[in-house]
C-alpha atoms as a PDB file:
ATOM      1  CA  UNK A   1    -152.945 -29.455  25.804  1.00  0.00           C
ATOM      2  CA  UNK A   2    -153.354 -30.957  22.418  1.00  0.00           C
ATOM      3  CA  UNK A   3    -154.784 -34.468  22.451  1.00  0.00           C
ATOM      4  CA  UNK A   4    -152.186 -37.295  22.052  1.00  0.00           C
ATOM      5  CA  UNK A   5    -152.852 -39.706  19.242  1.00  0.00           C
ATOM      6  CA  UNK A   6    -149.374 -41.177  18.759  1.00  0.00           C
ATOM      7  CA  UNK A   7    -149.515 -44.447  16.877  1.00  0.00           C
ATOM      8  CA  UNK A   8    -152.486 -43.772  14.970  1.00  0.00           C
ATOM      9  CA  UNK A   9    -150.356 -42.324  12.058  1.00  0.00           C
ATOM     10  CA  UNK A  10    -148.226 -45.140  10.674  1.00  0.00           C
ATOM     11  CA  UNK A  11    -145.759 -45.225   7.853  1.00  0.00           C
ATOM     12  CA  UNK A  12    -148.352 -47.331   5.953  1.00  0.00           C
ATOM     13  CA  UNK A  13    -151.357 -45.085   6.598  1.00  0.00           C
ATOM     14  CA  UNK A  14    -149.625 -41.528   6.293  1.00  0.00           C
ATOM     15  CA  UNK A  15    -145.946 -42.196   5.210  1.00  0.00           C
ATOM     16  CA  UNK A  16    -146.544 -41.060   1.624  1.00  0.00           C
ATOM     17  CA  UNK A  17    -148.721 -38.242   2.627  1.00  0.00           C
ATOM     18  CA  UNK A  18    -146.078 -36.834   5.082  1.00  0.00           C
ATOM     19  CA  UNK A  19    -143.151 -37.160   2.453  1.00  0.00           C
ATOM     20  CA  UNK A  20    -145.180 -35.578  -0.284  1.00  0.00           C
ATOM     21  CA  UNK A  21    -145.872 -32.594   1.973  1.00  0.00           C
ATOM     22  CA  UNK A  22    -142.480 -32.109   2.602  1.00  0.00           C
ATOM     23  CA  UNK A  23    -140.817 -33.238  -0.685  1.00  0.00           C
ATOM     24  CA  UNK A  24    -139.068 -29.727  -1.123  1.00  0.00           C
ATOM     25  CA  UNK A  25    -137.307 -30.288   2.299  1.00  0.00           C
ATOM     26  CA  UNK A  26    -135.869 -33.474   0.975  1.00  0.00           C
ATOM     27  CA  UNK A  27    -134.727 -31.902  -2.435  1.00  0.00           C
ATOM     28  CA  UNK A  28    -132.965 -29.268  -0.373  1.00  0.00           C
ATOM     29  CA  UNK A  29    -131.416 -32.085   1.772  1.00  0.00           C
ATOM     30  CA  UNK A  30    -130.083 -33.611  -1.430  1.00  0.00           C
ATOM     31  CA  UNK A  31    -128.451 -30.459  -2.510  1.00  0.00           C
ATOM     32  CA  UNK A  32    -126.866 -30.106   0.638  1.00  0.00           C
ATOM     33  CA  UNK A  33    -125.392 -33.634   0.460  1.00  0.00           C
ATOM     34  CA  UNK A  34    -123.985 -32.588  -3.190  1.00  0.00           C
ATOM     35  CA  UNK A  35    -122.495 -29.216  -1.916  1.00  0.00           C
ATOM     36  CA  UNK A  36    -120.770 -30.899   1.154  1.00  0.00           C
ATOM     37  CA  UNK A  37    -119.644 -33.921  -1.172  1.00  0.00           C
ATOM     38  CA  UNK A  38    -117.975 -31.095  -3.584  1.00  0.00           C
ATOM     39  CA  UNK A  39    -116.417 -29.371  -0.613  1.00  0.00           C
ATOM     40  CA  UNK A  40    -114.359 -32.420  -0.046  1.00  0.00           C
ATOM     41  CA  UNK A  41    -112.680 -32.288  -3.421  1.00  0.00           C
ATOM     42  CA  UNK A  42    -111.964 -28.651  -3.068  1.00  0.00           C
ATOM     43  CA  UNK A  43    -108.206 -27.900  -2.368  1.00  0.00           C
ATOM     44  CA  UNK A  44    -107.979 -26.150   0.881  1.00  0.00           C
ATOM     45  CA  UNK A  45    -106.134 -22.937   1.323  1.00  0.00           C
ATOM     46  CA  UNK A  46    -102.521 -23.705   1.759  1.00  0.00           C
ATOM     47  CA  UNK A  47    -101.663 -21.541   4.862  1.00  0.00           C
ATOM     48  CA  UNK A  48     -97.827 -20.610   5.284  1.00  0.00           C
ATOM     49  CA  UNK A  49     -95.898 -22.972   7.219  1.00  0.00           C
ATOM     50  CA  UNK A  50     -92.591 -21.991   8.438  1.00  0.00           C
ATOM     51  CA  UNK A  51     -89.777 -23.657  10.181  1.00  0.00           C
ATOM     52  CA  UNK A  52     -90.563 -22.020  13.391  1.00  0.00           C
ATOM     53  CA  UNK A  53     -94.057 -23.055  13.467  1.00  0.00           C
ATOM     54  CA  UNK A  54     -93.453 -26.804  13.370  1.00  0.00           C
ATOM     55  CA  UNK A  55     -93.086 -26.975  17.228  1.00  0.00           C
ATOM     56  CA  UNK A  56     -96.888 -27.043  17.463  1.00  0.00           C
ATOM     57  CA  UNK A  57     -97.308 -29.149  14.550  1.00  0.00           C
ATOM     58  CA  UNK A  58     -94.984 -32.178  15.325  1.00  0.00           C
ATOM     59  CA  UNK A  59     -97.418 -34.550  16.997  1.00  0.00           C
ATOM     60  CA  UNK A  60     -97.518 -38.239  15.713  1.00  0.00           C
ATOM     61  CA  UNK A  61    -100.001 -38.939  12.759  1.00  0.00           C
ATOM     62  CA  UNK A  62    -102.430 -41.718  13.407  1.00  0.00           C
ATOM     63  CA  UNK A  63    -105.465 -42.799  11.439  1.00  0.00           C
ATOM     64  CA  UNK A  64    -108.824 -41.295  12.389  1.00  0.00           C
ATOM     65  CA  UNK A  65    -110.276 -42.559  15.440  1.00  0.00           C
ATOM     66  CA  UNK A  66    -113.636 -41.305  14.880  1.00  0.00           C
ATOM     67  CA  UNK A  67    -115.996 -42.497  12.106  1.00  0.00           C
ATOM     68  CA  UNK A  68    -117.205 -39.915   9.847  1.00  0.00           C
ATOM     69  CA  UNK A  69    -120.701 -41.232   9.771  1.00  0.00           C
ATOM     70  CA  UNK A  70    -122.075 -41.231  12.742  1.00  0.00           C
ATOM     71  CA  UNK A  71    -140.813 -43.616  16.752  1.00  0.00           C
ATOM     72  CA  UNK A  72    -144.405 -44.598  17.121  1.00  0.00           C
ATOM     73  CA  UNK A  73    -145.834 -42.008  14.858  1.00  0.00           C
ATOM     74  CA  UNK A  74    -144.832 -41.119  11.418  1.00  0.00           C
ATOM     75  CA  UNK A  75    -145.094 -37.199  11.789  1.00  0.00           C
ATOM     76  CA  UNK A  76    -142.697 -37.455  14.743  1.00  0.00           C
ATOM     77  CA  UNK A  77    -140.284 -40.041  12.951  1.00  0.00           C
ATOM     78  CA  UNK A  78    -140.176 -38.152   9.652  1.00  0.00           C
ATOM     79  CA  UNK A  79    -139.415 -34.852  11.338  1.00  0.00           C
ATOM     80  CA  UNK A  80    -136.815 -36.202  13.760  1.00  0.00           C
ATOM     81  CA  UNK A  81    -135.020 -37.794  10.789  1.00  0.00           C
ATOM     82  CA  UNK A  82    -135.353 -34.628   8.594  1.00  0.00           C
ATOM     83  CA  UNK A  83    -134.311 -32.186  11.396  1.00  0.00           C
ATOM     84  CA  UNK A  84    -131.046 -34.361  12.601  1.00  0.00           C
ATOM     85  CA  UNK A  85    -129.983 -34.637   8.716  1.00  0.00           C
ATOM     86  CA  UNK A  86    -130.534 -30.969   8.305  1.00  0.00           C
ATOM     87  CA  UNK A  87    -128.450 -29.990  11.291  1.00  0.00           C
ATOM     88  CA  UNK A  88    -125.615 -32.494  10.414  1.00  0.00           C
ATOM     89  CA  UNK A  89    -125.390 -31.525   6.814  1.00  0.00           C
ATOM     90  CA  UNK A  90    -125.851 -27.623   7.426  1.00  0.00           C
ATOM     91  CA  UNK A  91    -123.121 -27.918   9.985  1.00  0.00           C
ATOM     92  CA  UNK A  92    -121.082 -30.036   7.560  1.00  0.00           C
ATOM     93  CA  UNK A  93    -121.233 -27.463   4.833  1.00  0.00           C
ATOM     94  CA  UNK A  94    -120.366 -24.593   6.932  1.00  0.00           C
ATOM     95  CA  UNK A  95    -117.495 -26.342   8.719  1.00  0.00           C
ATOM     96  CA  UNK A  96    -116.214 -27.765   5.429  1.00  0.00           C
ATOM     97  CA  UNK A  97    -116.328 -24.380   3.619  1.00  0.00           C
ATOM     98  CA  UNK A  98    -114.556 -22.604   6.481  1.00  0.00           C
ATOM     99  CA  UNK A  99    -111.752 -25.461   6.561  1.00  0.00           C
ATOM    100  CA  UNK A 100    -111.131 -25.014   2.809  1.00  0.00           C
ATOM    101  CA  UNK A 101    -110.989 -21.349   3.084  1.00  0.00           C
ATOM    102  CA  UNK A 102    -108.886 -21.007   6.314  1.00  0.00           C
ATOM    103  CA  UNK A 103    -106.406 -23.742   5.820  1.00  0.00           C
ATOM    104  CA  UNK A 104    -105.218 -24.254   9.408  1.00  0.00           C
ATOM    105  CA  UNK A 105    -102.567 -27.111   9.529  1.00  0.00           C
ATOM    106  CA  UNK A 106    -103.591 -29.938  12.084  1.00  0.00           C
ATOM    107  CA  UNK A 107    -101.472 -30.720  14.972  1.00  0.00           C
ATOM    108  CA  UNK A 108     -99.909 -33.693  13.105  1.00  0.00           C
ATOM    109  CA  UNK A 109     -99.291 -31.804   9.990  1.00  0.00           C
ATOM    110  CA  UNK A 110     -95.444 -32.370  10.261  1.00  0.00           C
ATOM    111  CA  UNK A 111     -95.739 -36.032   9.848  1.00  0.00           C
ATOM    112  CA  UNK A 112     -98.344 -35.772   7.124  1.00  0.00           C
ATOM    113  CA  UNK A 113     -96.049 -33.465   5.284  1.00  0.00           C
ATOM    114  CA  UNK A 114     -92.798 -35.306   6.065  1.00  0.00           C
ATOM    115  CA  UNK A 115     -93.726 -38.863   6.734  1.00  0.00           C
ATOM    116  CA  UNK A 116     -89.843 -39.674   6.983  1.00  0.00           C
ATOM    117  CA  UNK A 117     -89.352 -37.009   9.465  1.00  0.00           C
ATOM    118  CA  UNK A 118     -86.979 -34.987   7.133  1.00  0.00           C
ATOM    119  CA  UNK A 119     -88.279 -31.642   6.794  1.00  0.00           C
ATOM    120  CA  UNK A 120     -87.775 -29.630   3.726  1.00  0.00           C
ATOM    121  CA  UNK A 121     -88.279 -25.939   3.283  1.00  0.00           C
ATOM    122  CA  UNK A 122     -88.262 -23.602   0.357  1.00  0.00           C
ATOM    123  CA  UNK A 123     -85.019 -21.460   0.379  1.00  0.00           C
ATOM    124  CA  UNK A 124     -86.700 -18.341  -0.903  1.00  0.00           C
ATOM    125  CA  UNK A 125     -90.074 -18.200   0.843  1.00  0.00           C
ATOM    126  CA  UNK A 126     -89.194 -20.605   3.846  1.00  0.00           C
ATOM    127  CA  UNK A 127     -92.709 -22.419   3.324  1.00  0.00           C
ATOM    128  CA  UNK A 128     -92.887 -26.210   3.480  1.00  0.00           C
ATOM    129  CA  UNK A 129     -92.147 -28.367   0.798  1.00  0.00           C
ATOM    130  CA  UNK A 130     -94.170 -31.611   1.368  1.00  0.00           C
ATOM    131  CA  UNK A 131     -93.121 -34.989   0.126  1.00  0.00           C
ATOM    132  CA  UNK A 132     -96.015 -36.747   1.714  1.00  0.00           C
ATOM    133  CA  UNK A 133     -99.131 -38.341   0.233  1.00  0.00           C
ATOM    134  CA  UNK A 134    -101.011 -35.649  -1.330  1.00  0.00           C
ATOM    135  CA  UNK A 135    -104.454 -36.740   0.023  1.00  0.00           C
ATOM    136  CA  UNK A 136    -102.897 -36.830   3.528  1.00  0.00           C
ATOM    137  CA  UNK A 137    -101.260 -33.433   3.075  1.00  0.00           C
ATOM    138  CA  UNK A 138    -104.561 -32.044   1.803  1.00  0.00           C
ATOM    139  CA  UNK A 139    -106.443 -33.285   4.725  1.00  0.00           C
ATOM    140  CA  UNK A 140    -103.701 -31.945   6.973  1.00  0.00           C
ATOM    141  CA  UNK A 141    -104.851 -28.220   6.111  1.00  0.00           C
ATOM    142  CA  UNK A 142    -108.452 -28.928   7.490  1.00  0.00           C
ATOM    143  CA  UNK A 143    -108.011 -28.375  11.085  1.00  0.00           C
ATOM    144  CA  UNK A 144    -110.365 -25.344  11.810  1.00  0.00           C
ATOM    145  CA  UNK A 145    -113.070 -25.792  12.690  1.00  0.00           C
ATOM    146  CA  UNK A 146    -114.027 -29.507  13.775  1.00  0.00           C
ATOM    147  CA  UNK A 147    -117.486 -30.565  13.303  1.00  0.00           C
ATOM    148  CA  UNK A 148    -118.982 -33.346  15.872  1.00  0.00           C
ATOM    149  CA  UNK A 149    -121.610 -31.685  17.908  1.00  0.00           C
ATOM    150  CA  UNK A 150    -124.565 -31.140  15.601  1.00  0.00           C
ATOM    151  CA  UNK A 151    -126.294 -34.541  15.544  1.00  0.00           C
ATOM    152  CA  UNK A 152    -125.821 -35.229  19.227  1.00  0.00           C
ATOM    153  CA  UNK A 153    -126.816 -31.956  20.408  1.00  0.00           C
ATOM    154  CA  UNK A 154    -129.900 -32.279  18.091  1.00  0.00           C
ATOM    155  CA  UNK A 155    -130.581 -35.649  19.772  1.00  0.00           C
ATOM    156  CA  UNK A 156    -130.421 -33.932  23.247  1.00  0.00           C
ATOM    157  CA  UNK A 157    -133.058 -31.327  22.301  1.00  0.00           C
ATOM    158  CA  UNK A 158    -135.222 -34.154  21.033  1.00  0.00           C
ATOM    159  CA  UNK A 159    -135.065 -36.254  23.987  1.00  0.00           C
ATOM    160  CA  UNK A 160    -135.713 -33.133  26.189  1.00  0.00           C
ATOM    161  CA  UNK A 161    -138.814 -32.549  24.372  1.00  0.00           C
ATOM    162  CA  UNK A 162    -140.186 -36.204  24.538  1.00  0.00           C
ATOM    163  CA  UNK A 163    -139.247 -36.599  28.292  1.00  0.00           C
ATOM    164  CA  UNK A 164    -140.497 -33.070  29.049  1.00  0.00           C
ATOM    165  CA  UNK A 165    -137.454 -32.568  30.965  1.00  0.00           C
ATOM    166  CA  UNK A 166    -138.068 -28.942  31.687  1.00  0.00           C
ATOM    167  CA  UNK A 167    -141.638 -29.367  32.942  1.00  0.00           C
ATOM    168  CA  UNK A 168    -140.595 -27.957  36.318  1.00  0.00           C
ATOM    169  CA  UNK A 169    -141.346 -31.470  37.902  1.00  0.00           C
ATOM    170  CA  UNK A 170    -137.701 -31.510  39.374  1.00  0.00           C
ATOM    171  CA  UNK A 171    -137.092 -34.784  37.735  1.00  0.00           C
ATOM    172  CA  UNK A 172    -133.219 -34.832  37.632  1.00  0.00           C
ATOM    173  CA  UNK A 173    -133.201 -38.436  36.108  1.00  0.00           C
ATOM    174  CA  UNK A 174    -134.775 -36.609  33.015  1.00  0.00           C
ATOM    175  CA  UNK A 175    -131.970 -34.188  32.755  1.00  0.00           C
ATOM    176  CA  UNK A 176    -129.217 -36.855  33.167  1.00  0.00           C
ATOM    177  CA  UNK A 177    -130.541 -38.627  30.087  1.00  0.00           C
ATOM    178  CA  UNK A 178    -130.935 -35.293  28.272  1.00  0.00           C
ATOM    179  CA  UNK A 179    -127.366 -34.383  28.988  1.00  0.00           C
ATOM    180  CA  UNK A 180    -125.930 -37.630  28.035  1.00  0.00           C
ATOM    181  CA  UNK A 181    -125.608 -37.101  24.284  1.00  0.00           C
ATOM    182  CA  UNK A 182    -124.098 -33.550  24.892  1.00  0.00           C
ATOM    183  CA  UNK A 183    -121.350 -35.456  27.037  1.00  0.00           C
ATOM    184  CA  UNK A 184    -120.947 -37.782  24.318  1.00  0.00           C
ATOM    185  CA  UNK A 185    -120.374 -34.950  21.999  1.00  0.00           C
ATOM    186  CA  UNK A 186    -117.820 -33.135  24.294  1.00  0.00           C
ATOM    187  CA  UNK A 187    -115.825 -36.538  24.776  1.00  0.00           C
ATOM    188  CA  UNK A 188    -115.788 -37.012  20.843  1.00  0.00           C
ATOM    189  CA  UNK A 189    -114.447 -33.481  20.623  1.00  0.00           C
ATOM    190  CA  UNK A 190    -111.665 -34.222  23.294  1.00  0.00           C
ATOM    191  CA  UNK A 191    -110.744 -37.421  21.429  1.00  0.00           C
ATOM    192  CA  UNK A 192    -110.023 -35.210  18.410  1.00  0.00           C
ATOM    193  CA  UNK A 193    -107.632 -33.199  20.285  1.00  0.00           C
ATOM    194  CA  UNK A 194    -106.126 -36.441  22.087  1.00  0.00           C
ATOM    195  CA  UNK A 195    -105.362 -37.953  18.735  1.00  0.00           C
ATOM    196  CA  UNK A 196    -103.870 -34.714  17.337  1.00  0.00           C
ATOM    197  CA  UNK A 197    -106.461 -34.196  14.595  1.00  0.00           C
ATOM    198  CA  UNK A 198    -107.483 -30.830  15.942  1.00  0.00           C
ATOM    199  CA  UNK A 199    -106.484 -28.128  18.314  1.00  0.00           C
ATOM    200  CA  UNK A 200    -108.843 -27.230  21.119  1.00  0.00           C
ATOM    201  CA  UNK A 201    -109.816 -23.914  19.587  1.00  0.00           C
ATOM    202  CA  UNK A 202    -111.080 -25.920  16.619  1.00  0.00           C
ATOM    203  CA  UNK A 203    -113.296 -27.944  18.797  1.00  0.00           C
ATOM    204  CA  UNK A 204    -114.421 -25.139  20.583  1.00  0.00           C
ATOM    205  CA  UNK A 205    -115.463 -23.305  17.421  1.00  0.00           C
ATOM    206  CA  UNK A 206    -117.029 -26.419  16.049  1.00  0.00           C
ATOM    207  CA  UNK A 207    -119.098 -26.901  19.259  1.00  0.00           C
ATOM    208  CA  UNK A 208    -120.608 -23.201  18.705  1.00  0.00           C
ATOM    209  CA  UNK A 209    -121.194 -23.999  15.106  1.00  0.00           C
ATOM    210  CA  UNK A 210    -122.779 -27.532  15.711  1.00  0.00           C
ATOM    211  CA  UNK A 211    -124.772 -26.415  18.790  1.00  0.00           C
ATOM    212  CA  UNK A 212    -126.297 -23.434  16.973  1.00  0.00           C
ATOM    213  CA  UNK A 213    -127.388 -25.423  13.724  1.00  0.00           C
ATOM    214  CA  UNK A 214    -128.834 -28.027  15.949  1.00  0.00           C
ATOM    215  CA  UNK A 215    -130.971 -25.731  17.918  1.00  0.00           C
ATOM    216  CA  UNK A 216    -131.793 -23.890  14.592  1.00  0.00           C
ATOM    217  CA  UNK A 217    -132.868 -27.071  12.803  1.00  0.00           C
ATOM    218  CA  UNK A 218    -134.687 -28.526  15.897  1.00  0.00           C
ATOM    219  CA  UNK A 219    -136.964 -25.252  16.172  1.00  0.00           C
ATOM    220  CA  UNK A 220    -137.753 -25.404  12.663  1.00  0.00           C
ATOM    221  CA  UNK A 221    -139.539 -28.760  13.148  1.00  0.00           C
ATOM    222  CA  UNK A 222    -140.405 -28.959  16.775  1.00  0.00           C
ATOM    223  CA  UNK A 223    -141.629 -26.494  19.525  1.00  0.00           C
ATOM    224  CA  UNK A 224    -139.191 -25.369  22.413  1.00  0.00           C
ATOM    225  CA  UNK A 225    -138.644 -28.368  24.862  1.00  0.00           C
ATOM    226  CA  UNK A 226    -139.968 -26.419  27.663  1.00  0.00           C
ATOM    227  CA  UNK A 227    -143.306 -25.742  25.965  1.00  0.00           C
ATOM    228  CA  UNK A 228    -146.283 -27.714  27.060  1.00  0.00           C
ATOM    229  CA  UNK A 229    -146.836 -29.138  23.677  1.00  0.00           C
ATOM    230  CA  UNK A 230    -142.988 -29.456  23.099  1.00  0.00           C
ATOM    231  CA  UNK A 231    -143.229 -33.288  22.763  1.00  0.00           C
ATOM    232  CA  UNK A 232    -144.360 -33.350  19.072  1.00  0.00           C
ATOM    233  CA  UNK A 233    -143.340 -31.593  15.862  1.00  0.00           C
ATOM    234  CA  UNK A 234    -145.168 -28.591  14.503  1.00  0.00           C
ATOM    235  CA  UNK A 235    -146.860 -30.627  11.502  1.00  0.00           C
ATOM    236  CA  UNK A 236    -148.474 -32.990  14.170  1.00  0.00           C
ATOM    237  CA  UNK A 237    -150.500 -30.120  15.661  1.00  0.00           C
ATOM    238  CA  UNK A 238    -151.285 -28.728  12.218  1.00  0.00           C
ATOM    239  CA  UNK A 239    -152.532 -31.979  11.135  1.00  0.00           C
ATOM    240  CA  UNK A 240    -154.630 -32.344  14.539  1.00  0.00           C
ATOM    241  CA  UNK A 241    -156.128 -28.907  14.000  1.00  0.00           C
ATOM    242  CA  UNK A 242    -157.029 -29.720  10.250  1.00  0.00           C
ATOM    243  CA  UNK A 243    -158.489 -32.875  11.487  1.00  0.00           C
ATOM    244  CA  UNK A 244    -160.593 -31.201  14.127  1.00  0.00           C
ATOM    245  CA  UNK A 245    -161.762 -28.557  11.660  1.00  0.00           C
ATOM    246  CA  UNK A 246    -162.916 -31.200   9.187  1.00  0.00           C
ATOM    247  CA  UNK A 247    -164.723 -33.006  11.694  1.00  0.00           C
ATOM    248  CA  UNK A 248    -166.555 -29.707  12.814  1.00  0.00           C
ATOM    249  CA  UNK A 249    -167.468 -29.168   9.291  1.00  0.00           C
ATOM    250  CA  UNK A 250    -168.999 -32.737   8.840  1.00  0.00           C
ATOM    251  CA  UNK A 251    -170.880 -32.438  12.105  1.00  0.00           C
ATOM    252  CA  UNK A 252    -172.409 -29.124  10.972  1.00  0.00           C
ATOM    253  CA  UNK A 253    -173.486 -30.438   7.539  1.00  0.00           C
ATOM    254  CA  UNK A 254    -174.872 -33.617   9.128  1.00  0.00           C
ATOM    255  CA  UNK A 255    -176.951 -32.101  12.028  1.00  0.00           C
ATOM    256  CA  UNK A 256    -179.617 -29.444  11.025  1.00  0.00           C
ATOM    257  CA  UNK A 257    -179.746 -26.072  12.728  1.00  0.00           C
ATOM    258  CA  UNK A 258    -182.419 -25.487  15.610  1.00  0.00           C
ATOM    259  CA  UNK A 259    -184.644 -23.432  13.228  1.00  0.00           C
ATOM    260  CA  UNK A 260    -184.729 -25.940  10.530  1.00  0.00           C
ATOM    261  CA  UNK A 261    -185.782 -28.659  12.899  1.00  0.00           C
ATOM    262  CA  UNK A 262    -188.562 -26.490  14.398  1.00  0.00           C
ATOM    263  CA  UNK A 263    -189.830 -25.959  10.869  1.00  0.00           C
ATOM    264  CA  UNK A 264    -189.668 -29.642  10.005  1.00  0.00           C
ATOM    265  CA  UNK A 265    -191.744 -30.372  13.210  1.00  0.00           C
ATOM    266  CA  UNK A 266    -194.344 -27.735  12.510  1.00  0.00           C
ATOM    267  CA  UNK A 267    -194.895 -28.292   8.813  1.00  0.00           C
ATOM    268  CA  UNK A 268    -198.622 -29.124   8.101  1.00  0.00           C
ATOM    269  CA  UNK A 269    -199.248 -32.775   6.705  1.00  0.00           C
END
């Protein structure tokens, strides 16, 4: 197993070096933030909502109950932050793109569209004629899918690697700690159904997307949690290998070869 040198690479000593080595990753991250921000301004597809469909969309409208924004070694700290940001932003871009394209009404769409409870439908098409606040109505077309699993699932993978939960030691307490973030993600998903912001199918699809993005991003920066060296990022082991190689070169240069030593000893005065 690779030697553990956690704590020897601090923000002060290696912070600038690590950021410079991964500056392209941070630039891509900024681009994802911009894309996700722009997607929130895109008008989602307005799916046809007829009078007979209102039975499933007549749940009360409440304000959002879940907020939107939800390490000793610099290599570990940097890649953990980078990984979780990538998983959240990639998941956000994907889910927001699908929301805008699908335009599925939320369960509380009726009271978003008709806050006074008086429904109005087009006499020709039969589609809804909303007279509610435009921003609230716009958000009402963004039910599918939800997006609340990526960050917490990444945290679960990160903890499983750090705790070596899959080292076949039979330590159930480690698994309980690892499962806790997943349980939190599930409870957040359930709350989205309970407050009528999502259908259960929205949460299920969001869970698949979020979990997939979390696993994808985690494996970009860290080995599989069940590996012997699954406790540190790939960059850490690369740095250790380069350091050992440099030290071997220095020792080779400093110490003369055996033949050279013999020649020095037998050289006539």
